N, C-alpha and C. Protein backbone atom coordinates (compact mmCIF):
# COMPACT_ATOMS: atom_id res chain seq x y z
N MET A 1 122.03 117.98 132.33
CA MET A 1 121.07 119.08 132.23
C MET A 1 119.80 118.68 132.97
N PRO A 2 119.27 119.52 133.87
CA PRO A 2 118.06 119.17 134.60
C PRO A 2 116.91 118.93 133.65
N ASP A 3 115.98 118.02 134.06
CA ASP A 3 114.82 117.71 133.24
C ASP A 3 114.02 118.94 132.88
N ALA A 4 113.93 119.90 133.82
CA ALA A 4 113.07 121.06 133.64
C ALA A 4 113.50 121.93 132.48
N VAL A 5 114.79 121.90 132.12
CA VAL A 5 115.24 122.79 131.06
C VAL A 5 115.60 122.03 129.79
N ARG A 6 115.37 120.72 129.77
CA ARG A 6 115.62 119.98 128.55
C ARG A 6 114.58 120.37 127.50
N PRO A 7 115.01 120.55 126.26
CA PRO A 7 114.06 120.93 125.22
C PRO A 7 113.04 119.83 124.97
N SER A 8 111.84 120.22 124.65
CA SER A 8 110.78 119.25 124.39
C SER A 8 111.09 118.44 123.13
N PRO A 9 110.78 117.16 123.14
CA PRO A 9 110.99 116.34 121.95
C PRO A 9 109.86 116.48 120.94
N LEU A 10 108.80 117.20 121.31
CA LEU A 10 107.63 117.29 120.44
C LEU A 10 107.93 117.83 119.03
N PRO A 11 108.71 118.92 118.90
CA PRO A 11 108.96 119.40 117.53
C PRO A 11 109.57 118.35 116.62
N TRP A 12 110.50 117.54 117.15
CA TRP A 12 111.11 116.50 116.33
C TRP A 12 110.09 115.44 115.95
N LEU A 13 109.22 115.09 116.90
CA LEU A 13 108.17 114.12 116.60
C LEU A 13 107.23 114.65 115.53
N LEU A 14 106.86 115.92 115.64
CA LEU A 14 105.92 116.48 114.68
C LEU A 14 106.54 116.60 113.29
N LEU A 15 107.84 116.81 113.21
CA LEU A 15 108.49 116.80 111.91
C LEU A 15 108.43 115.39 111.29
N LEU A 16 108.62 114.37 112.13
CA LEU A 16 108.51 113.00 111.63
C LEU A 16 107.08 112.72 111.17
N LEU A 17 106.11 113.19 111.93
CA LEU A 17 104.71 112.99 111.54
C LEU A 17 104.40 113.74 110.25
N SER A 18 105.06 114.88 110.03
CA SER A 18 104.87 115.61 108.77
C SER A 18 105.34 114.76 107.60
N LEU A 19 106.45 114.04 107.79
CA LEU A 19 106.93 113.15 106.74
C LEU A 19 105.90 112.07 106.43
N THR A 20 105.25 111.53 107.46
CA THR A 20 104.24 110.50 107.22
C THR A 20 103.02 111.07 106.51
N THR A 21 102.75 112.36 106.70
CA THR A 21 101.66 112.99 105.95
C THR A 21 101.94 112.92 104.45
N GLY A 22 103.18 113.17 104.06
CA GLY A 22 103.55 113.05 102.66
C GLY A 22 103.31 111.65 102.14
N LEU A 23 103.62 110.64 102.95
CA LEU A 23 103.36 109.25 102.56
C LEU A 23 101.87 109.01 102.35
N VAL A 24 101.06 109.48 103.29
CA VAL A 24 99.61 109.27 103.19
C VAL A 24 99.03 110.03 102.01
N ASP A 25 99.51 111.24 101.77
CA ASP A 25 99.03 112.00 100.61
C ASP A 25 99.38 111.29 99.30
N ALA A 26 100.57 110.70 99.23
CA ALA A 26 100.95 109.95 98.04
C ALA A 26 100.02 108.76 97.83
N VAL A 27 99.69 108.08 98.92
CA VAL A 27 98.77 106.95 98.84
C VAL A 27 97.41 107.39 98.32
N SER A 28 96.87 108.48 98.89
CA SER A 28 95.51 108.88 98.53
C SER A 28 95.43 109.45 97.12
N VAL A 29 96.34 110.32 96.77
CA VAL A 29 96.26 110.97 95.46
C VAL A 29 96.65 110.03 94.33
N LEU A 30 97.70 109.23 94.54
CA LEU A 30 98.18 108.35 93.47
C LEU A 30 97.47 107.00 93.44
N GLY A 31 96.90 106.60 94.57
CA GLY A 31 96.31 105.26 94.63
C GLY A 31 94.83 105.18 94.84
N LEU A 32 94.20 106.30 95.23
CA LEU A 32 92.77 106.25 95.55
C LEU A 32 91.94 107.16 94.65
N GLY A 33 92.53 107.66 93.60
CA GLY A 33 91.80 108.58 92.73
C GLY A 33 91.98 110.01 93.21
N LYS A 34 91.16 110.89 92.75
CA LYS A 34 91.28 112.31 93.08
C LYS A 34 90.63 112.59 94.43
N VAL A 35 91.37 112.25 95.49
CA VAL A 35 90.89 112.46 96.85
C VAL A 35 92.09 112.60 97.77
N PHE A 36 91.94 113.43 98.80
CA PHE A 36 92.95 113.54 99.85
C PHE A 36 92.36 112.94 101.12
N THR A 37 93.20 112.29 101.92
CA THR A 37 92.72 111.85 103.23
C THR A 37 93.42 112.58 104.38
N ALA A 38 94.41 113.40 104.06
CA ALA A 38 95.08 114.20 105.09
C ALA A 38 94.78 115.68 104.95
N ASN A 39 94.42 116.13 103.77
CA ASN A 39 94.24 117.56 103.49
C ASN A 39 92.81 117.80 103.04
N MET A 40 91.98 118.32 103.92
CA MET A 40 90.56 118.48 103.60
C MET A 40 90.28 119.68 102.69
N THR A 41 91.17 120.64 102.64
CA THR A 41 90.98 121.76 101.71
C THR A 41 90.90 121.24 100.27
N GLY A 42 91.81 120.34 99.93
CA GLY A 42 91.82 119.75 98.60
C GLY A 42 90.52 119.02 98.31
N ASN A 43 89.98 118.31 99.31
CA ASN A 43 88.72 117.59 99.09
C ASN A 43 87.56 118.52 98.82
N VAL A 44 87.50 119.62 99.54
CA VAL A 44 86.41 120.58 99.32
C VAL A 44 86.49 121.14 97.90
N VAL A 45 87.71 121.43 97.44
CA VAL A 45 87.89 121.93 96.07
C VAL A 45 87.48 120.86 95.06
N PHE A 46 87.93 119.62 95.29
CA PHE A 46 87.58 118.53 94.37
C PHE A 46 86.07 118.29 94.35
N LEU A 47 85.42 118.42 95.50
CA LEU A 47 83.97 118.27 95.54
C LEU A 47 83.28 119.36 94.71
N GLY A 48 83.83 120.57 94.77
CA GLY A 48 83.29 121.63 93.94
C GLY A 48 83.41 121.30 92.47
N PHE A 49 84.56 120.75 92.08
CA PHE A 49 84.75 120.33 90.69
C PHE A 49 83.73 119.25 90.31
N ALA A 50 83.55 118.27 91.21
CA ALA A 50 82.62 117.18 90.93
C ALA A 50 81.19 117.68 90.79
N LEU A 51 80.79 118.60 91.66
CA LEU A 51 79.44 119.15 91.60
C LEU A 51 79.21 119.91 90.30
N ALA A 52 80.29 120.49 89.76
CA ALA A 52 80.18 121.22 88.50
C ALA A 52 80.26 120.30 87.29
N GLY A 53 80.48 119.00 87.53
CA GLY A 53 80.53 118.04 86.44
C GLY A 53 81.86 117.96 85.74
N ALA A 54 82.93 118.44 86.36
CA ALA A 54 84.26 118.36 85.74
C ALA A 54 84.65 116.89 85.55
N PRO A 55 85.15 116.53 84.38
CA PRO A 55 85.48 115.12 84.12
C PRO A 55 86.57 114.62 85.06
N GLY A 56 86.40 113.37 85.52
CA GLY A 56 87.39 112.73 86.36
C GLY A 56 87.21 112.96 87.84
N PHE A 57 86.23 113.77 88.24
CA PHE A 57 86.01 114.05 89.66
C PHE A 57 84.68 113.44 90.10
N VAL A 58 84.73 112.73 91.24
CA VAL A 58 83.56 112.01 91.76
C VAL A 58 83.24 112.51 93.15
N ILE A 59 81.96 112.60 93.46
CA ILE A 59 81.53 113.17 94.74
C ILE A 59 81.79 112.22 95.91
N ALA A 60 81.47 110.94 95.74
CA ALA A 60 81.47 110.00 96.86
C ALA A 60 82.81 109.90 97.62
N PRO A 61 83.96 109.74 96.95
CA PRO A 61 85.21 109.62 97.71
C PRO A 61 85.49 110.83 98.60
N GLY A 62 85.23 112.03 98.08
CA GLY A 62 85.46 113.22 98.88
C GLY A 62 84.56 113.29 100.10
N LEU A 63 83.29 112.91 99.92
CA LEU A 63 82.36 112.92 101.05
C LEU A 63 82.76 111.91 102.11
N VAL A 64 83.18 110.72 101.67
CA VAL A 64 83.63 109.70 102.61
C VAL A 64 84.85 110.20 103.39
N ALA A 65 85.79 110.82 102.68
CA ALA A 65 86.99 111.32 103.34
C ALA A 65 86.64 112.41 104.36
N LEU A 66 85.77 113.33 103.98
CA LEU A 66 85.39 114.41 104.90
C LEU A 66 84.68 113.88 106.13
N ALA A 67 83.73 112.98 105.93
CA ALA A 67 82.95 112.45 107.05
C ALA A 67 83.82 111.66 108.02
N THR A 68 84.67 110.79 107.49
CA THR A 68 85.49 109.96 108.37
C THR A 68 86.60 110.78 109.03
N PHE A 69 87.14 111.77 108.32
CA PHE A 69 88.13 112.67 108.91
C PHE A 69 87.53 113.37 110.13
N MET A 70 86.31 113.88 109.98
CA MET A 70 85.65 114.56 111.09
C MET A 70 85.37 113.60 112.25
N GLY A 71 85.04 112.34 111.91
CA GLY A 71 84.85 111.35 112.96
C GLY A 71 86.11 111.12 113.76
N GLY A 72 87.24 111.01 113.07
CA GLY A 72 88.51 110.86 113.77
C GLY A 72 88.84 112.05 114.63
N ALA A 73 88.56 113.25 114.13
CA ALA A 73 88.82 114.47 114.90
C ALA A 73 87.94 114.53 116.14
N LEU A 74 86.69 114.07 116.01
CA LEU A 74 85.79 114.07 117.16
C LEU A 74 86.32 113.16 118.27
N VAL A 75 86.75 111.96 117.89
CA VAL A 75 87.29 111.02 118.88
C VAL A 75 88.53 111.61 119.56
N ALA A 76 89.41 112.23 118.77
CA ALA A 76 90.63 112.81 119.34
C ALA A 76 90.31 113.98 120.25
N GLY A 77 89.28 114.75 119.91
CA GLY A 77 88.90 115.87 120.78
C GLY A 77 88.47 115.39 122.15
N ARG A 78 87.68 114.33 122.18
CA ARG A 78 87.24 113.78 123.47
C ARG A 78 88.42 113.17 124.24
N LEU A 79 89.30 112.47 123.53
CA LEU A 79 90.46 111.87 124.19
C LEU A 79 91.36 112.94 124.77
N GLY A 80 91.62 114.00 124.00
CA GLY A 80 92.49 115.06 124.47
C GLY A 80 91.98 115.71 125.74
N ARG A 81 90.67 115.92 125.81
CA ARG A 81 90.10 116.53 127.03
C ARG A 81 90.19 115.57 128.22
N ALA A 82 90.09 114.29 127.95
CA ALA A 82 90.19 113.31 129.03
C ALA A 82 91.62 113.14 129.51
N MET A 83 92.60 113.38 128.62
CA MET A 83 94.00 113.14 128.96
C MET A 83 94.74 114.40 129.38
N GLY A 84 94.06 115.53 129.45
CA GLY A 84 94.72 116.81 129.68
C GLY A 84 95.55 116.90 130.95
N GLN A 85 95.15 116.20 131.99
CA GLN A 85 95.87 116.28 133.26
C GLN A 85 96.75 115.06 133.52
N ARG A 86 96.88 114.20 132.54
CA ARG A 86 97.71 113.01 132.69
C ARG A 86 99.04 113.21 131.98
N PRO A 87 100.02 112.35 132.24
CA PRO A 87 101.34 112.51 131.58
C PRO A 87 101.20 112.54 130.06
N LEU A 88 101.96 113.44 129.45
CA LEU A 88 101.91 113.60 128.00
C LEU A 88 102.21 112.28 127.29
N ARG A 89 103.14 111.50 127.82
CA ARG A 89 103.54 110.27 127.14
C ARG A 89 102.36 109.32 126.97
N ARG A 90 101.47 109.27 127.97
CA ARG A 90 100.33 108.37 127.85
C ARG A 90 99.42 108.79 126.70
N TRP A 91 99.16 110.08 126.62
CA TRP A 91 98.32 110.61 125.55
C TRP A 91 98.96 110.33 124.18
N LEU A 92 100.25 110.62 124.07
CA LEU A 92 100.93 110.43 122.80
C LEU A 92 100.94 108.97 122.37
N LEU A 93 101.19 108.06 123.31
CA LEU A 93 101.27 106.64 122.96
C LEU A 93 99.90 106.09 122.56
N ILE A 94 98.85 106.51 123.25
CA ILE A 94 97.51 106.07 122.88
C ILE A 94 97.17 106.59 121.48
N ALA A 95 97.47 107.86 121.23
CA ALA A 95 97.19 108.45 119.92
C ALA A 95 97.98 107.74 118.82
N ALA A 96 99.26 107.47 119.08
CA ALA A 96 100.09 106.81 118.08
C ALA A 96 99.61 105.40 117.80
N ALA A 97 99.23 104.67 118.84
CA ALA A 97 98.74 103.30 118.66
C ALA A 97 97.46 103.29 117.83
N PHE A 98 96.58 104.25 118.10
CA PHE A 98 95.32 104.35 117.35
C PHE A 98 95.60 104.65 115.89
N GLU A 99 96.47 105.63 115.64
CA GLU A 99 96.77 106.01 114.26
C GLU A 99 97.48 104.88 113.52
N ALA A 100 98.48 104.28 114.14
CA ALA A 100 99.21 103.20 113.48
C ALA A 100 98.30 102.02 113.18
N ALA A 101 97.39 101.70 114.10
CA ALA A 101 96.47 100.59 113.87
C ALA A 101 95.59 100.85 112.65
N LEU A 102 95.14 102.08 112.49
CA LEU A 102 94.32 102.43 111.33
C LEU A 102 95.12 102.36 110.03
N LEU A 103 96.35 102.87 110.06
CA LEU A 103 97.19 102.83 108.86
C LEU A 103 97.53 101.40 108.47
N TRP A 104 97.81 100.56 109.47
CA TRP A 104 98.12 99.16 109.17
C TRP A 104 96.87 98.40 108.72
N THR A 105 95.71 98.76 109.26
CA THR A 105 94.46 98.17 108.77
C THR A 105 94.27 98.50 107.30
N ALA A 106 94.53 99.76 106.95
CA ALA A 106 94.43 100.17 105.55
C ALA A 106 95.43 99.40 104.69
N ALA A 107 96.63 99.14 105.23
CA ALA A 107 97.65 98.38 104.49
C ALA A 107 97.18 96.95 104.22
N VAL A 108 96.54 96.33 105.21
CA VAL A 108 96.02 94.97 105.03
C VAL A 108 94.94 94.96 103.96
N ILE A 109 94.04 95.92 104.01
CA ILE A 109 92.98 96.02 103.00
C ILE A 109 93.59 96.24 101.62
N ALA A 110 94.66 97.05 101.57
CA ALA A 110 95.29 97.39 100.29
C ALA A 110 95.94 96.19 99.61
N ALA A 111 96.17 95.11 100.36
CA ALA A 111 96.80 93.92 99.77
C ALA A 111 95.93 93.34 98.66
N GLY A 112 94.62 93.53 98.73
CA GLY A 112 93.74 93.01 97.70
C GLY A 112 93.15 94.08 96.82
N TYR A 113 93.84 95.23 96.75
CA TYR A 113 93.31 96.39 96.02
C TYR A 113 94.14 96.65 94.77
N ASP A 114 93.47 96.90 93.65
CA ASP A 114 94.13 97.18 92.38
C ASP A 114 94.24 98.70 92.19
N VAL A 115 95.46 99.22 92.27
CA VAL A 115 95.67 100.67 92.18
C VAL A 115 95.27 101.20 90.81
N ALA A 116 95.61 100.47 89.76
CA ALA A 116 95.34 100.94 88.40
C ALA A 116 93.84 101.05 88.11
N GLU A 117 93.08 100.09 88.60
CA GLU A 117 91.65 100.04 88.31
C GLU A 117 90.79 100.66 89.41
N LEU A 118 91.41 101.02 90.54
CA LEU A 118 90.67 101.53 91.71
C LEU A 118 89.59 100.54 92.14
N GLU A 119 89.93 99.28 92.14
CA GLU A 119 88.99 98.21 92.47
C GLU A 119 89.62 97.23 93.47
N PRO A 120 88.78 96.56 94.27
CA PRO A 120 87.33 96.69 94.38
C PRO A 120 86.92 97.98 95.07
N ARG A 121 85.72 98.44 94.77
CA ARG A 121 85.27 99.72 95.30
C ARG A 121 85.15 99.69 96.82
N GLY A 122 84.76 98.53 97.35
CA GLY A 122 84.67 98.44 98.81
C GLY A 122 86.01 98.68 99.47
N ALA A 123 87.07 98.12 98.89
CA ALA A 123 88.41 98.33 99.43
C ALA A 123 88.82 99.79 99.29
N LEU A 124 88.47 100.40 98.16
CA LEU A 124 88.79 101.82 97.95
C LEU A 124 88.24 102.68 99.08
N TYR A 125 86.95 102.51 99.37
CA TYR A 125 86.32 103.34 100.39
C TYR A 125 86.79 102.97 101.80
N ALA A 126 87.13 101.70 101.99
CA ALA A 126 87.65 101.30 103.30
C ALA A 126 89.02 101.93 103.56
N ILE A 127 89.87 101.98 102.54
CA ILE A 127 91.19 102.60 102.70
C ILE A 127 91.04 104.11 102.91
N ILE A 128 90.16 104.74 102.14
CA ILE A 128 89.89 106.17 102.34
C ILE A 128 89.43 106.41 103.77
N GLY A 129 88.47 105.62 104.24
CA GLY A 129 87.94 105.81 105.58
C GLY A 129 88.97 105.62 106.67
N ALA A 130 89.75 104.54 106.58
CA ALA A 130 90.73 104.25 107.63
C ALA A 130 91.81 105.33 107.70
N THR A 131 92.32 105.74 106.54
CA THR A 131 93.39 106.76 106.55
C THR A 131 92.85 108.14 106.93
N ALA A 132 91.62 108.44 106.52
CA ALA A 132 91.05 109.75 106.87
C ALA A 132 90.73 109.83 108.37
N ILE A 133 90.24 108.74 108.95
CA ILE A 133 90.02 108.73 110.41
C ILE A 133 91.35 108.97 111.12
N ALA A 134 92.40 108.28 110.66
CA ALA A 134 93.72 108.44 111.28
C ALA A 134 94.21 109.88 111.19
N MET A 135 94.04 110.49 110.02
CA MET A 135 94.51 111.86 109.84
C MET A 135 93.65 112.87 110.57
N GLY A 136 92.34 112.63 110.65
CA GLY A 136 91.49 113.51 111.43
C GLY A 136 91.83 113.45 112.91
N PHE A 137 92.07 112.23 113.38
CA PHE A 137 92.48 112.03 114.77
C PHE A 137 93.79 112.75 115.04
N ARG A 138 94.75 112.60 114.11
CA ARG A 138 96.04 113.26 114.31
C ARG A 138 95.91 114.78 114.30
N ASN A 139 95.16 115.33 113.35
CA ASN A 139 95.02 116.78 113.27
C ASN A 139 94.43 117.36 114.54
N ALA A 140 93.42 116.71 115.08
CA ALA A 140 92.80 117.20 116.31
C ALA A 140 93.75 117.10 117.49
N THR A 141 94.55 116.02 117.53
CA THR A 141 95.52 115.86 118.61
C THR A 141 96.59 116.94 118.54
N ILE A 142 97.14 117.16 117.35
CA ILE A 142 98.19 118.18 117.19
C ILE A 142 97.64 119.56 117.50
N ARG A 143 96.41 119.81 117.12
CA ARG A 143 95.77 121.11 117.40
C ARG A 143 95.72 121.37 118.90
N GLN A 144 95.45 120.33 119.68
CA GLN A 144 95.37 120.50 121.13
C GLN A 144 96.75 120.65 121.77
N LEU A 145 97.78 120.09 121.15
CA LEU A 145 99.13 120.23 121.69
C LEU A 145 99.70 121.63 121.48
N LYS A 146 99.23 122.34 120.46
CA LYS A 146 99.56 123.76 120.24
C LYS A 146 101.06 124.01 120.14
N VAL A 147 101.73 123.25 119.26
CA VAL A 147 103.14 123.51 118.98
C VAL A 147 103.22 124.44 117.78
N PRO A 148 103.76 125.65 117.93
CA PRO A 148 103.74 126.63 116.83
C PRO A 148 104.43 126.13 115.57
N ASP A 149 103.80 126.41 114.42
CA ASP A 149 104.40 126.19 113.09
C ASP A 149 104.63 124.73 112.75
N LEU A 150 103.97 123.82 113.46
CA LEU A 150 104.10 122.40 113.14
C LEU A 150 102.73 121.74 113.21
N THR A 151 101.95 121.92 112.15
CA THR A 151 100.62 121.31 112.10
C THR A 151 100.67 119.87 111.60
N THR A 152 101.74 119.48 110.95
CA THR A 152 102.04 118.16 110.37
C THR A 152 101.27 117.85 109.09
N THR A 153 100.26 118.64 108.73
CA THR A 153 99.49 118.30 107.53
C THR A 153 99.28 119.47 106.57
N VAL A 154 99.26 120.69 107.06
CA VAL A 154 98.92 121.85 106.22
C VAL A 154 100.11 122.81 106.17
N LEU A 155 100.46 123.28 104.97
CA LEU A 155 101.65 124.12 104.81
C LEU A 155 101.35 125.54 104.35
N THR A 156 100.11 125.85 104.03
CA THR A 156 99.82 127.17 103.48
C THR A 156 100.25 128.29 104.42
N LEU A 157 99.83 128.21 105.68
CA LEU A 157 100.20 129.26 106.64
C LEU A 157 101.69 129.20 106.97
N THR A 158 102.26 128.01 106.97
CA THR A 158 103.70 127.88 107.23
C THR A 158 104.51 128.59 106.16
N ILE A 159 104.17 128.36 104.90
CA ILE A 159 104.89 129.00 103.80
C ILE A 159 104.63 130.50 103.79
N THR A 160 103.41 130.89 104.13
CA THR A 160 103.10 132.32 104.25
C THR A 160 103.99 132.97 105.31
N GLY A 161 104.14 132.28 106.45
CA GLY A 161 104.95 132.82 107.53
C GLY A 161 106.42 132.94 107.16
N ILE A 162 106.93 132.00 106.40
CA ILE A 162 108.33 132.07 105.97
C ILE A 162 108.58 133.37 105.22
N ALA A 163 107.66 133.72 104.33
CA ALA A 163 107.83 134.95 103.53
C ALA A 163 107.44 136.19 104.32
N ALA A 164 106.28 136.16 104.98
CA ALA A 164 105.76 137.36 105.64
C ALA A 164 106.60 137.78 106.84
N ASP A 165 107.26 136.83 107.50
CA ASP A 165 108.07 137.14 108.68
C ASP A 165 109.57 137.18 108.37
N SER A 166 109.92 137.20 107.10
CA SER A 166 111.32 137.18 106.70
C SER A 166 111.98 138.54 106.87
N THR A 167 113.29 138.55 106.80
CA THR A 167 114.03 139.81 106.90
C THR A 167 113.63 140.81 105.81
N PRO A 168 113.48 140.40 104.54
CA PRO A 168 113.05 141.36 103.51
C PRO A 168 111.69 141.98 103.80
N ALA A 169 110.84 141.25 104.55
CA ALA A 169 109.52 141.78 104.89
C ALA A 169 109.55 142.59 106.18
N GLY A 170 110.75 142.74 106.76
CA GLY A 170 110.88 143.48 108.01
C GLY A 170 110.66 142.65 109.24
N GLY A 171 110.61 141.33 109.09
CA GLY A 171 110.38 140.45 110.23
C GLY A 171 111.67 139.94 110.85
N SER A 172 111.51 139.08 111.84
CA SER A 172 112.67 138.55 112.57
C SER A 172 112.87 137.06 112.33
N ASN A 173 112.20 136.51 111.33
CA ASN A 173 112.33 135.09 110.97
C ASN A 173 112.07 134.14 112.14
N PRO A 174 110.95 134.29 112.86
CA PRO A 174 110.69 133.39 113.99
C PRO A 174 110.46 131.95 113.51
N ASN A 175 111.04 131.02 114.23
CA ASN A 175 110.84 129.59 113.96
C ASN A 175 111.14 129.21 112.51
N TRP A 176 112.10 129.90 111.89
CA TRP A 176 112.35 129.64 110.46
C TRP A 176 112.82 128.20 110.23
N GLY A 177 113.64 127.69 111.15
CA GLY A 177 114.12 126.32 110.98
C GLY A 177 112.99 125.31 111.08
N ARG A 178 112.10 125.52 112.02
CA ARG A 178 110.96 124.65 112.21
C ARG A 178 110.05 124.70 110.98
N ARG A 179 109.84 125.89 110.45
CA ARG A 179 108.96 126.06 109.29
C ARG A 179 109.55 125.39 108.05
N LEU A 180 110.82 125.64 107.81
CA LEU A 180 111.47 125.01 106.65
C LEU A 180 111.52 123.49 106.82
N GLY A 181 111.75 123.05 108.05
CA GLY A 181 111.78 121.62 108.31
C GLY A 181 110.45 120.96 108.02
N SER A 182 109.37 121.65 108.34
CA SER A 182 108.03 121.12 108.09
C SER A 182 107.78 120.95 106.59
N VAL A 183 108.18 121.97 105.82
CA VAL A 183 108.03 121.90 104.36
C VAL A 183 108.87 120.75 103.81
N ALA A 184 110.10 120.67 104.26
CA ALA A 184 111.01 119.63 103.76
C ALA A 184 110.51 118.23 104.13
N ALA A 185 109.94 118.09 105.31
CA ALA A 185 109.47 116.78 105.76
C ALA A 185 108.30 116.29 104.90
N ILE A 186 107.33 117.16 104.66
CA ILE A 186 106.18 116.74 103.83
C ILE A 186 106.63 116.50 102.39
N LEU A 187 107.53 117.35 101.89
CA LEU A 187 108.06 117.15 100.54
C LEU A 187 108.77 115.80 100.44
N GLY A 188 109.63 115.50 101.40
CA GLY A 188 110.36 114.25 101.39
C GLY A 188 109.43 113.05 101.52
N GLY A 189 108.43 113.16 102.39
CA GLY A 189 107.49 112.07 102.55
C GLY A 189 106.68 111.82 101.30
N ALA A 190 106.27 112.91 100.62
CA ALA A 190 105.52 112.76 99.38
C ALA A 190 106.37 112.10 98.30
N ALA A 191 107.64 112.50 98.20
CA ALA A 191 108.53 111.89 97.21
C ALA A 191 108.75 110.41 97.51
N LEU A 192 109.00 110.09 98.78
CA LEU A 192 109.18 108.69 99.16
C LEU A 192 107.92 107.89 98.89
N GLY A 193 106.77 108.45 99.27
CA GLY A 193 105.51 107.74 99.05
C GLY A 193 105.25 107.51 97.58
N ALA A 194 105.52 108.52 96.75
CA ALA A 194 105.31 108.37 95.30
C ALA A 194 106.20 107.28 94.74
N LEU A 195 107.46 107.25 95.17
CA LEU A 195 108.37 106.20 94.69
C LEU A 195 107.86 104.82 95.07
N LEU A 196 107.38 104.68 96.31
CA LEU A 196 106.91 103.37 96.77
C LEU A 196 105.65 102.94 96.01
N VAL A 197 104.72 103.87 95.80
CA VAL A 197 103.49 103.53 95.08
C VAL A 197 103.79 103.18 93.63
N VAL A 198 104.61 104.01 92.98
CA VAL A 198 104.89 103.80 91.56
C VAL A 198 105.74 102.54 91.34
N ARG A 199 106.76 102.34 92.17
CA ARG A 199 107.66 101.20 91.98
C ARG A 199 106.98 99.88 92.31
N THR A 200 106.17 99.85 93.36
CA THR A 200 105.55 98.59 93.78
C THR A 200 104.18 98.38 93.16
N GLY A 201 103.53 99.47 92.70
CA GLY A 201 102.17 99.34 92.18
C GLY A 201 101.17 98.99 93.25
N SER A 202 101.53 99.24 94.51
CA SER A 202 100.69 98.85 95.64
C SER A 202 100.75 99.94 96.71
N LEU A 203 99.74 99.94 97.57
CA LEU A 203 99.70 100.91 98.68
C LEU A 203 100.16 100.30 100.00
N VAL A 204 100.44 99.02 99.98
CA VAL A 204 100.75 98.31 101.22
C VAL A 204 102.00 98.87 101.90
N VAL A 205 103.10 98.98 101.15
CA VAL A 205 104.38 99.38 101.75
C VAL A 205 104.33 100.80 102.32
N PRO A 206 103.87 101.82 101.56
CA PRO A 206 103.85 103.16 102.15
C PRO A 206 102.95 103.27 103.37
N LEU A 207 101.82 102.56 103.39
CA LEU A 207 100.94 102.60 104.55
C LEU A 207 101.59 101.91 105.76
N PHE A 208 102.26 100.79 105.50
CA PHE A 208 102.94 100.11 106.60
C PHE A 208 104.08 100.98 107.15
N VAL A 209 104.85 101.58 106.26
CA VAL A 209 105.97 102.43 106.68
C VAL A 209 105.45 103.62 107.48
N ALA A 210 104.36 104.24 107.03
CA ALA A 210 103.81 105.39 107.74
C ALA A 210 103.40 105.01 109.16
N GLY A 211 102.71 103.88 109.31
CA GLY A 211 102.30 103.44 110.64
C GLY A 211 103.49 103.13 111.53
N ALA A 212 104.51 102.49 110.97
CA ALA A 212 105.70 102.14 111.75
C ALA A 212 106.43 103.39 112.23
N LEU A 213 106.54 104.41 111.36
CA LEU A 213 107.21 105.65 111.75
C LEU A 213 106.45 106.37 112.85
N VAL A 214 105.13 106.40 112.73
CA VAL A 214 104.30 107.04 113.76
C VAL A 214 104.54 106.39 115.12
N LEU A 215 104.47 105.07 115.15
CA LEU A 215 104.59 104.36 116.42
C LEU A 215 106.01 104.42 116.98
N ALA A 216 107.02 104.22 116.13
CA ALA A 216 108.40 104.24 116.61
C ALA A 216 108.82 105.63 117.06
N GLY A 217 108.46 106.65 116.27
CA GLY A 217 108.82 108.02 116.64
C GLY A 217 108.16 108.45 117.94
N THR A 218 106.91 108.07 118.13
CA THR A 218 106.21 108.45 119.36
C THR A 218 106.79 107.72 120.56
N ALA A 219 107.14 106.46 120.38
CA ALA A 219 107.75 105.71 121.48
C ALA A 219 109.06 106.34 121.92
N MET A 220 109.87 106.81 120.97
CA MET A 220 111.12 107.47 121.31
C MET A 220 110.86 108.78 122.04
N CYS A 221 109.84 109.50 121.61
CA CYS A 221 109.48 110.76 122.28
C CYS A 221 108.99 110.50 123.70
N ALA A 222 108.27 109.38 123.90
CA ALA A 222 107.65 109.11 125.19
C ALA A 222 108.66 108.82 126.29
N VAL A 223 109.87 108.38 125.92
CA VAL A 223 110.86 108.08 126.97
C VAL A 223 111.59 109.33 127.43
N HIS A 224 111.39 110.45 126.75
CA HIS A 224 112.04 111.70 127.14
C HIS A 224 111.43 112.20 128.46
N PRO A 225 112.26 112.73 129.36
CA PRO A 225 111.74 113.20 130.66
C PRO A 225 110.62 114.23 130.52
N ALA A 226 110.66 115.05 129.48
CA ALA A 226 109.62 116.08 129.31
C ALA A 226 108.25 115.47 129.09
N ALA A 227 108.20 114.21 128.66
CA ALA A 227 106.92 113.56 128.39
C ALA A 227 106.25 113.05 129.66
N ARG A 228 106.93 113.21 130.80
CA ARG A 228 106.33 112.76 132.06
C ARG A 228 105.29 113.75 132.59
N VAL A 229 105.44 115.00 132.20
CA VAL A 229 104.57 116.05 132.77
C VAL A 229 103.21 116.00 132.10
N PRO A 230 102.17 116.57 132.77
CA PRO A 230 100.84 116.62 132.14
C PRO A 230 100.90 117.42 130.86
N SER A 231 100.08 117.02 129.90
CA SER A 231 100.09 117.65 128.59
C SER A 231 99.56 119.07 128.64
């Protein structure tokens, strides 16, 4: 099959990245207290709870996650504009290396972190920061790639589309496989991440696995002929 008509490997890569989102969400929610580092909608809601004085909700973790997430997105925005006319594989590999390095840095920090006690506090905020920068960077990168129905981190619009564009709603079910795959990937990643956190009592393994999947999956995508063309 000629290179020009080979299907892009990006959807498969983004499904794999969706699975790693589930891993990161399991780490943040189960191991870092009431905070998300991949899903900022949840953080804004939790901040509202904290501002209202709801028990168990703290302002600082959410603010750290929001600020560092935006920092990661800013860096990715500049990188994406700089890489726009270069081969897609170069952009993807740089992005994957950056994200994996941050996730593995968080894993190293997590080696001395007590999940049950959320201590030491310095390690808590360092893990929040490293994973939120990685997820902000990823979100901005995926946004620039513009692959329909595969955001890798947010499912609200995806699930809405499954129902609103379905046959009972009078639709034609566009990208239904991609949409269902995205839901299944994040669900599976969250289940796997929860098992790893609960069984090991540590965040090291899920963070290491997430970084390894990001880097290995992107490397496999980069060897595809479609990755030679400018992004």
